Protein backbone atom coordinates (compact mmCIF):
# COMPACT_ATOMS: atom_id res chain seq x y z
CA MET A 1 0.16 -0.09 -0.08
CA LYS A 2 1.01 3.62 -0.63
CA ILE A 3 0.22 6.46 1.62
CA LEU A 4 0.66 10.13 1.61
CA VAL A 5 1.29 11.66 4.98
CA THR A 6 0.87 15.14 5.03
CA GLY A 7 3.25 16.96 7.70
CA GLY A 8 4.73 14.09 8.37
CA ALA A 9 8.11 16.35 9.32
CA GLY A 10 6.14 17.34 12.10
CA PHE A 11 5.22 15.92 15.70
CA ILE A 12 2.62 13.22 15.60
CA GLY A 13 3.51 12.99 11.67
CA SER A 14 7.07 11.83 12.15
CA ASN A 15 6.33 9.59 14.72
CA PHE A 16 3.39 8.18 12.99
CA ILE A 17 5.91 7.40 10.00
CA HIS A 18 7.75 5.75 12.47
CA TYR A 19 5.08 3.56 13.73
CA TRP A 20 3.64 2.60 10.20
CA LEU A 21 7.45 1.71 9.04
CA ARG A 22 8.14 -0.02 11.94
CA ASN A 23 4.95 -2.50 11.74
CA TYR A 24 4.01 -2.47 7.80
CA PRO A 25 7.28 -2.30 6.37
CA ALA A 26 6.67 -3.53 2.91
CA ASP A 27 4.35 -0.47 2.61
CA GLU A 28 5.24 3.09 1.01
CA ILE A 29 5.21 6.43 2.15
CA ILE A 30 5.24 9.82 0.53
CA ASN A 31 5.85 12.39 3.10
CA LEU A 32 4.54 15.97 1.88
CA ASP A 33 5.74 18.75 4.60
CA LEU A 34 6.33 22.46 3.61
CA LEU A 35 9.34 22.36 6.76
CA THR A 36 7.88 25.68 8.43
CA TYR A 37 8.86 26.22 11.93
CA ALA A 38 7.80 23.14 13.52
CA GLY A 39 8.94 20.96 10.49
CA ASN A 40 11.85 19.30 11.47
CA LEU A 41 13.52 16.19 9.18
CA ASP A 42 16.22 15.50 11.97
CA ASN A 43 12.73 13.81 13.55
CA LEU A 44 12.99 11.06 10.54
CA LEU A 45 17.11 10.72 10.45
CA ALA A 46 16.23 6.75 11.17
CA VAL A 47 14.18 6.49 7.90
CA LYS A 48 15.52 8.59 5.77
CA THR A 49 17.19 5.83 3.81
CA ASN A 50 14.90 3.60 3.89
CA SER A 51 13.85 2.76 0.45
CA HIS A 52 10.16 2.87 0.71
CA TYR A 53 9.79 6.09 2.18
CA ARG A 54 10.32 9.70 0.32
CA PHE A 55 9.74 12.96 1.41
CA VAL A 56 8.83 15.95 -0.63
CA GLN A 57 9.02 19.48 0.48
CA GLY A 58 5.85 21.44 -0.55
CA ASP A 59 2.58 23.07 0.52
CA VAL A 60 -0.85 21.09 0.91
CA THR A 61 -2.05 24.35 -0.50
CA ASP A 62 -0.16 23.63 -3.73
CA VAL A 63 -2.94 22.87 -6.05
CA SER A 64 -0.78 21.18 -9.14
CA LEU A 65 1.87 19.49 -6.40
CA VAL A 66 -0.82 17.85 -4.11
CA ASN A 67 -2.59 16.51 -7.44
CA GLU A 68 0.36 14.75 -8.44
CA LEU A 69 0.95 13.02 -5.36
CA VAL A 70 -2.52 12.29 -4.40
CA ALA A 71 -2.84 10.30 -8.23
CA ASN A 72 -0.60 7.73 -7.03
CA VAL A 73 -1.51 6.74 -3.53
CA GLU A 74 -4.18 4.78 -2.29
CA VAL A 75 -4.52 6.26 1.22
CA ILE A 76 -4.07 9.91 2.89
CA VAL A 77 -3.31 10.87 6.54
CA HIS A 78 -4.06 14.37 6.67
CA PHE A 79 -1.69 15.63 9.94
CA ALA A 80 -0.13 18.77 8.53
CA ALA A 81 -1.56 22.04 10.34
CA GLU A 82 -0.80 24.89 12.43
CA SER A 83 -1.53 24.05 15.69
CA HIS A 84 -0.51 26.46 18.60
CA VAL A 85 -3.12 28.47 20.42
CA ASP A 86 -1.00 31.32 21.07
CA ARG A 87 -0.20 31.81 17.97
CA SER A 88 -3.44 31.21 16.06
CA ILE A 89 -4.27 34.34 18.78
CA LYS A 90 -1.35 36.53 17.58
CA ASN A 91 -2.20 35.71 13.88
CA SER A 92 -4.69 33.66 12.56
CA SER A 93 -3.98 34.02 9.13
CA ASP A 94 -1.46 30.95 8.59
CA PHE A 95 -4.00 29.13 10.41
CA ILE A 96 -6.73 29.17 8.14
CA ARG A 97 -4.47 29.30 5.11
CA THR A 98 -3.17 25.90 6.10
CA ASN A 99 -6.05 24.02 8.33
CA VAL A 100 -9.24 25.35 5.71
CA GLU A 101 -7.82 26.15 2.11
CA GLY A 102 -4.79 23.03 2.36
CA THR A 103 -7.73 20.42 3.52
CA ARG A 104 -9.78 22.09 0.42
CA VAL A 105 -7.28 21.80 -1.76
CA LEU A 106 -6.22 18.00 -0.67
CA LEU A 107 -10.39 16.80 -0.82
CA GLU A 108 -10.46 18.15 -3.98
CA ALA A 109 -7.03 15.83 -5.15
CA ALA A 110 -8.60 13.10 -3.79
CA LYS A 111 -11.63 13.26 -5.21
CA ASN A 112 -10.41 13.77 -8.47
CA ASN A 113 -7.59 11.27 -8.25
CA GLY A 114 -9.01 7.87 -7.70
CA ARG A 115 -10.65 8.65 -4.20
CA PRO A 116 -8.04 7.43 -1.82
CA ARG A 117 -8.96 6.45 1.51
CA PHE A 118 -8.56 9.30 3.41
CA HIS A 119 -8.26 10.31 7.01
CA HIS A 120 -8.06 13.53 8.85
CA ILE A 121 -6.48 14.03 12.15
CA SER A 122 -8.34 16.53 14.17
CA THR A 123 -8.49 17.53 18.16
CA ASP A 124 -10.74 17.70 21.17
CA GLU A 125 -10.50 21.61 20.83
CA VAL A 126 -12.98 22.19 17.98
CA PHE A 127 -16.05 20.95 20.82
CA GLY A 128 -14.71 24.00 23.12
CA SER A 129 -14.67 23.61 26.99
CA LEU A 130 -15.95 21.34 29.76
CA ASP A 131 -16.78 21.99 33.51
CA LEU A 132 -14.17 20.44 35.87
CA SER A 133 -16.00 17.75 36.31
CA GLY A 134 -18.38 15.45 34.91
CA ALA A 135 -19.04 15.16 30.85
CA LYS A 136 -16.52 14.42 28.66
CA PHE A 137 -16.05 14.88 24.95
CA THR A 138 -18.37 12.30 22.59
CA GLU A 139 -18.51 11.81 18.71
CA LYS A 140 -21.76 13.56 19.41
CA THR A 141 -20.43 16.65 20.91
CA PRO A 142 -21.45 19.97 19.54
CA TYR A 143 -18.62 21.72 18.03
CA ASP A 144 -17.95 24.92 20.20
CA PRO A 145 -14.09 26.41 19.16
CA ARG A 146 -12.79 28.64 21.42
CA SER A 147 -10.04 30.16 19.60
CA PRO A 148 -8.62 30.72 15.61
CA TYR A 149 -6.68 27.29 15.97
CA SER A 150 -9.52 25.24 16.89
CA ALA A 151 -12.12 27.23 14.77
CA SER A 152 -9.84 26.76 11.60
CA LYS A 153 -9.41 22.76 13.07
CA ALA A 154 -13.26 22.61 13.24
CA ALA A 155 -13.79 23.81 9.77
CA ALA A 156 -11.93 21.66 8.19
CA ASP A 157 -13.61 18.67 9.79
CA HIS A 158 -16.87 20.04 8.37
CA LEU A 159 -14.97 20.20 5.00
CA VAL A 160 -14.36 16.53 5.09
CA ARG A 161 -17.37 15.45 6.40
CA ALA A 162 -19.22 17.60 3.41
CA TYR A 163 -16.90 15.45 0.84
CA TYR A 164 -18.09 12.45 2.47
CA HIS A 165 -22.01 13.28 1.89
CA THR A 166 -21.58 15.19 -1.47
CA TYR A 167 -19.24 13.37 -3.44
CA LYS A 168 -19.20 9.80 -1.27
CA LEU A 169 -15.72 9.86 -0.64
CA PRO A 170 -14.43 7.78 1.37
CA VAL A 171 -13.21 9.58 4.69
CA THR A 172 -13.23 8.90 8.47
CA ILE A 173 -12.01 11.45 11.42
CA SER A 174 -9.87 11.42 14.73
CA ASN A 175 -10.95 14.26 17.18
CA CYS A 176 -7.28 13.53 19.86
CA SER A 177 -6.80 14.45 22.99
CA ASN A 178 -3.63 16.35 24.04
CA ASN A 179 -0.48 14.40 22.82
CA TYR A 180 3.05 13.78 24.14
CA GLY A 181 6.32 12.07 23.66
CA PRO A 182 9.47 12.48 21.42
CA TYR A 183 10.23 15.07 19.04
CA GLN A 184 7.41 17.54 20.32
CA TYR A 185 8.54 21.00 19.35
CA PRO A 186 9.49 23.03 22.47
CA GLU A 187 6.80 25.33 22.62
CA LYS A 188 4.11 22.81 23.71
CA LEU A 189 3.83 22.36 27.75
CA ILE A 190 5.15 19.10 28.11
CA PRO A 191 8.76 19.67 26.03
CA LEU A 192 8.72 23.47 27.39
CA PHE A 193 8.68 22.84 30.90
CA ILE A 194 11.43 19.40 30.33
CA THR A 195 13.43 21.96 28.29
CA ASN A 196 13.32 24.93 30.36
CA ILE A 197 14.38 22.77 33.26
CA LEU A 198 17.34 21.78 31.31
CA LEU A 199 18.16 24.93 30.98
CA GLY A 200 17.57 26.27 34.21
CA ARG A 201 14.66 28.53 33.54
CA LYS A 202 11.55 28.60 35.18
CA VAL A 203 8.25 27.05 33.63
CA PRO A 204 5.07 29.58 32.91
CA VAL A 205 2.10 28.26 34.31
CA TYR A 206 -1.01 29.97 33.28
CA GLY A 207 -3.53 31.43 35.74
CA GLN A 208 -3.17 29.07 39.02
CA GLY A 209 -2.57 25.87 36.73
CA LYS A 210 -6.04 24.39 37.40
CA ASN A 211 -7.13 23.88 33.29
CA ILE A 212 -7.65 20.25 33.04
CA ARG A 213 -6.38 18.16 29.61
CA ASP A 214 -6.93 14.35 28.63
CA TRP A 215 -3.20 13.54 27.80
CA ILE A 216 -2.46 10.44 25.19
CA HIS A 217 0.56 9.42 24.37
CA VAL A 218 1.96 9.94 20.29
CA ASP A 219 2.36 5.95 20.05
CA ASP A 220 -1.15 5.33 21.60
CA HIS A 221 -2.61 8.00 18.90
CA ASN A 222 -1.11 6.30 16.31
CA ARG A 223 -2.36 3.01 16.96
CA GLY A 224 -5.87 4.15 17.05
CA VAL A 225 -5.15 6.24 13.29
CA ASP A 226 -4.16 2.81 12.34
CA PHE A 227 -7.40 1.04 14.03
CA ILE A 228 -9.31 3.33 11.93
CA ILE A 229 -7.74 3.10 8.43
CA LYS A 230 -8.21 -0.40 8.72
CA SER A 231 -11.50 -1.26 10.22
CA GLY A 232 -13.06 2.14 11.16
CA ARG A 233 -16.75 3.08 9.13
CA ILE A 234 -16.68 5.18 6.35
CA GLY A 235 -17.79 8.69 7.11
CA GLU A 236 -17.44 8.58 10.67
CA THR A 237 -15.37 10.09 13.39
CA TYR A 238 -13.92 8.61 16.29
CA CYS A 239 -12.37 10.41 19.56
CA LEU A 240 -8.47 9.11 20.79
CA GLY A 241 -8.14 9.87 24.20
CA GLY A 242 -5.80 8.93 26.78
CA ALA A 243 -7.82 8.38 30.14
CA SER A 244 -5.08 10.67 31.99
CA GLU A 245 -6.95 13.62 33.01
CA LYS A 246 -4.47 15.98 34.45
CA SER A 247 -4.57 19.53 35.63
CA ASN A 248 -1.63 21.89 34.05
CA LEU A 249 0.09 22.37 38.02
CA GLU A 250 -0.50 18.35 38.54
CA ILE A 251 1.75 18.11 35.04
CA THR A 252 4.26 20.56 36.16
CA GLN A 253 4.40 19.28 39.80
CA GLU A 254 5.19 15.82 38.20
CA ILE A 255 7.51 17.24 35.52
CA LEU A 256 9.51 18.52 38.53
CA GLY A 257 9.66 15.55 40.40
CA LEU A 258 10.93 13.61 37.53
CA MET A 259 13.73 16.16 37.15
CA GLY A 260 14.86 16.78 41.11
CA ALA A 261 13.38 20.25 40.67
CA GLY A 262 11.23 22.09 43.62
CA GLU A 263 7.99 24.67 43.09
CA GLU A 264 10.21 27.17 43.16
CA MET A 265 10.85 26.76 39.72
CA ILE A 266 7.60 27.95 38.76
CA ASP A 267 6.35 31.02 37.56
CA TYR A 268 2.27 32.03 37.69
CA VAL A 269 1.52 33.93 34.52
CA ALA A 270 -1.24 35.72 33.55
CA ASP A 271 -3.92 33.42 31.86
CA ARG A 272 -4.19 33.11 28.34
CA PRO A 273 -7.33 34.46 26.36
CA GLY A 274 -10.25 32.39 26.34
CA HIS A 275 -8.67 29.58 27.69
CA ASP A 276 -10.57 26.75 28.05
CA LEU A 277 -11.50 24.96 31.29
CA ARG A 278 -11.24 21.29 30.76
CA TYR A 279 -11.08 19.12 28.26
CA ALA A 280 -12.03 15.22 28.54
CA ILE A 281 -12.60 12.19 25.95
CA ASP A 282 -14.86 9.60 26.06
CA PHE A 283 -13.19 7.00 23.74
CA SER A 284 -15.93 4.36 24.54
CA LYS A 285 -17.07 4.30 20.67
CA ILE A 286 -13.49 3.23 19.09
CA LYS A 287 -13.27 0.75 22.07
CA ARG A 288 -16.43 -0.60 21.52
CA GLU A 289 -16.35 -1.03 17.27
CA LEU A 290 -12.42 -1.29 16.86
CA GLY A 291 -11.27 -2.80 19.87
CA TRP A 292 -8.66 0.16 20.51
CA GLU A 293 -8.02 1.36 23.69
CA PRO A 294 -4.84 3.82 25.53
CA GLN A 295 -1.41 1.34 26.43
CA VAL A 296 0.67 3.70 27.61
CA ASP A 297 0.56 5.05 31.18
CA PHE A 298 0.49 8.41 32.03
CA SER A 299 3.07 8.45 34.58
CA GLN A 300 5.61 5.56 32.79
CA GLY A 301 5.01 7.76 29.78
CA LEU A 302 6.29 10.90 30.92
CA LYS A 303 8.84 9.48 32.83
CA GLU A 304 10.30 8.04 28.97
CA THR A 305 9.64 11.73 27.68
CA VAL A 306 11.94 13.47 29.93
CA ALA A 307 14.41 11.01 29.93
CA TRP A 308 14.58 11.30 25.83
CA TYR A 309 14.50 15.03 25.86
CA GLN A 310 17.46 14.24 28.45
CA ALA A 311 19.44 12.16 26.14
CA ASN A 312 18.78 14.45 22.97
CA ASN A 313 19.65 17.94 23.85
CA GLU A 314 21.24 17.80 20.29
CA TRP A 315 17.69 17.84 18.85
CA TRP A 316 15.95 20.52 20.84
CA SER A 317 18.75 22.90 21.52
CA LYS A 318 18.37 24.02 18.32
CA LEU A 319 14.94 24.85 18.58
CA ARG A 320 15.01 26.87 21.25
CA ASN A 321 15.81 30.24 22.22
């Protein structure tokens, strides 16, 4: 099978490529990535010489290039996206161009070039915010995006569904909770805090650190995507969660503990505008239908993630200021 992975030089996409070539070595992967600030070919050094892997530098909004690539694949796995909420608050234009227009270009190319299987990677942030306790997001939760980033992802999700209903394109969508693991760009919470401590800097916690997120290891996420590509029902959405709800302060304290640092390293800063209070995923649908559930224990996964950044100073130090 030949697969087009968009955004495959980013955090989740590069881990997906490693996962797929490890588990399906006979398949071929084309990685389309523009290599913006978060795209990093160092993430893929281990597969660089693999004859079943090819990298193409390019933009998902490039109609000619996308059509050329899509015409030669059986599956599209669409990771490419601008994904940092704070950046979207400062300037939303790149998020609309990549996340909305880029998705439209890919869908059009799929419609016009053999109708390959199309899997779209989304986020739980499209659902908005939850109270501190009680309900979790499900596939039936109404969309209520609160940031330019989540609004752009919500728009992309709606486009994917529209191409299924209008053109019968064979699509699926997954909405996942917060990912963590190796190769994550160090602007996100966990790698930012780990690398700050390694640099002797304090860690910035928004407000009082009460906001809660559900955390999923990137390997569990990509295993879930595998299950959906192979066995998911066409036209359906599946939520992928880690069963690991943690407040930002709890995450901070756990990282400090693993790294032998004290709470004097915490710098409480002004809260983010429109900061969603809680995200939590109910993944019972994919567990019931496809037999998937997370396997990586959060504490063990976080311990291994800290160890990875400690052992890979050369990788992350080039990305920090």
